[in-house]
Amino acid sequence: MNRSLLFSLVVSDALLSAWGQFGAAGSQGPTSVIVGVLVDSADGSPVHPGRADIPAKQIRVFTDTTGRFVITGLALGRYQLYGTGVGYRSESVVFVLGPDTLRLPPMRLRPAKAPL
């Protein structure tokens, strides 16, 4: 098998796995989108690298350089989302996801306490 074909197969498999992880492949019923941003609680600067997790659905996404994250293909319902970043405490928010895109207010992360 040549390298180009092998690379294509690996990338295709990874994309299909990621698509399924976010619920779009084989999902039952309507889905929606969550858009959010992680910011520093002191000065409002973007948290990057940052991470948003919905453990109940085994979903983990990372922020872009502006602290923004997007989760797509999530079934409608009630969820708890956790936001964190390197050097920050984890914060969480509970929300109900309806059919429209949910734009969360900025999640303000507090710096983690330095160990003594």
Protein backbone atom coordinates (compact mmCIF):
# COMPACT_ATOMS: atom_id res chain seq x y z
CA MET A 1 0.00 0.00 0.00
CA ASN A 2 1.48 3.34 -0.96
CA ARG A 3 1.97 6.11 1.61
CA SER A 4 -0.63 8.43 0.07
CA LEU A 5 -3.38 5.81 0.24
CA LEU A 6 -2.40 4.81 3.78
CA PHE A 7 -2.44 8.46 4.88
CA SER A 8 -5.89 8.94 3.29
CA LEU A 9 -7.26 5.89 5.11
CA VAL A 10 -5.87 7.03 8.47
CA VAL A 11 -7.25 10.56 8.04
CA SER A 12 -10.64 9.23 6.90
CA ASP A 13 -10.85 6.93 9.91
CA ALA A 14 -9.94 9.78 12.27
CA LEU A 15 -12.56 12.08 10.74
CA LEU A 16 -15.26 9.42 10.95
CA SER A 17 -14.39 8.75 14.59
CA ALA A 18 -14.51 12.45 15.44
CA TRP A 19 -17.81 12.88 13.58
CA GLY A 20 -19.34 10.03 15.59
CA GLN A 21 -17.94 11.37 18.87
CA PHE A 22 -19.93 14.56 18.51
CA GLY A 23 -23.16 12.72 17.87
CA ALA A 24 -23.71 13.65 14.24
CA ALA A 25 -23.28 10.15 12.85
CA GLY A 26 -26.23 7.95 13.69
CA SER A 27 -27.74 10.44 16.12
CA GLN A 28 -31.42 10.10 16.95
CA GLY A 29 -33.55 13.23 16.87
CA PRO A 30 -32.63 16.86 16.52
CA THR A 31 -29.22 18.23 17.48
CA SER A 32 -27.88 21.69 18.16
CA VAL A 33 -24.72 23.76 18.56
CA ILE A 34 -23.01 25.33 21.57
CA VAL A 35 -20.70 28.32 21.16
CA GLY A 36 -18.67 29.60 24.09
CA VAL A 37 -15.53 31.36 25.15
CA LEU A 38 -13.14 30.89 28.08
CA VAL A 39 -11.65 34.08 29.53
CA ASP A 40 -9.39 35.05 32.42
CA SER A 41 -11.53 36.29 35.33
CA ALA A 42 -9.12 39.13 36.16
CA ASP A 43 -8.59 40.82 32.82
CA GLY A 44 -10.95 39.11 30.34
CA SER A 45 -8.12 37.87 28.13
CA PRO A 46 -8.76 34.65 26.18
CA VAL A 47 -7.78 31.35 27.79
CA HIS A 48 -5.63 29.49 25.27
CA PRO A 49 -4.92 26.68 25.40
CA GLY A 50 -8.26 25.94 27.02
CA ARG A 51 -10.67 23.05 27.03
CA ALA A 52 -14.43 22.58 27.26
CA ASP A 53 -15.73 19.16 28.34
CA ILE A 54 -19.13 17.51 28.62
CA PRO A 55 -18.11 14.34 30.46
CA ALA A 56 -21.58 12.77 30.33
CA LYS A 57 -21.22 12.60 26.53
CA GLN A 58 -17.45 12.06 26.46
CA ILE A 59 -17.01 15.31 24.54
CA ARG A 60 -13.83 17.36 24.74
CA VAL A 61 -13.00 20.35 22.55
CA PHE A 62 -10.18 22.85 22.66
CA THR A 63 -10.28 26.63 22.40
CA ASP A 64 -8.83 28.60 19.54
CA THR A 65 -6.46 31.51 20.10
CA THR A 66 -9.40 33.77 21.01
CA GLY A 67 -10.59 31.36 23.76
CA ARG A 68 -13.59 30.34 21.62
CA PHE A 69 -14.95 26.80 21.34
CA VAL A 70 -17.78 25.19 19.37
CA ILE A 71 -19.55 21.89 20.03
CA THR A 72 -21.78 20.58 17.25
CA GLY A 73 -24.21 17.70 16.88
CA LEU A 74 -25.24 17.49 20.54
CA ALA A 75 -28.72 16.09 21.19
CA LEU A 76 -31.19 18.44 22.82
CA GLY A 77 -31.30 18.19 26.61
CA ARG A 78 -29.72 19.21 29.92
CA TYR A 79 -25.93 19.14 30.27
CA GLN A 80 -23.07 20.26 32.49
CA LEU A 81 -20.08 21.77 30.70
CA TYR A 82 -16.68 22.21 32.33
CA GLY A 83 -14.15 24.81 31.18
CA THR A 84 -10.49 24.77 32.11
CA GLY A 85 -7.09 25.91 30.94
CA VAL A 86 -3.44 25.54 31.86
CA GLY A 87 -2.95 27.39 35.14
CA TYR A 88 -6.71 27.85 35.76
CA ARG A 89 -9.30 26.28 38.02
CA SER A 90 -12.05 24.30 36.36
CA GLU A 91 -15.43 26.04 36.23
CA SER A 92 -18.76 24.55 35.20
CA VAL A 93 -22.13 25.64 33.91
CA VAL A 94 -25.40 23.71 33.63
CA PHE A 95 -27.60 24.49 30.65
CA VAL A 96 -30.55 23.19 28.66
CA LEU A 97 -29.84 22.84 24.96
CA GLY A 98 -32.78 23.62 22.66
CA PRO A 99 -33.03 23.58 18.87
CA ASP A 100 -31.37 26.98 18.40
CA THR A 101 -27.63 27.61 18.67
CA LEU A 102 -26.77 28.22 22.31
CA ARG A 103 -24.32 31.07 22.85
CA LEU A 104 -23.02 30.74 26.38
CA PRO A 105 -21.90 33.82 28.28
CA PRO A 106 -18.11 33.98 28.72
CA MET A 107 -16.84 31.43 31.23
CA ARG A 108 -14.57 33.37 33.58
CA LEU A 109 -11.78 31.10 34.80
CA ARG A 110 -9.88 31.89 37.98
CA PRO A 111 -6.14 31.24 38.22
CA ALA A 112 -5.21 28.04 40.04
CA LYS A 113 -3.54 28.49 43.38
CA ALA A 114 0.18 27.88 43.23
CA PRO A 115 1.33 24.96 45.40
CA LEU A 116 3.16 25.96 48.57
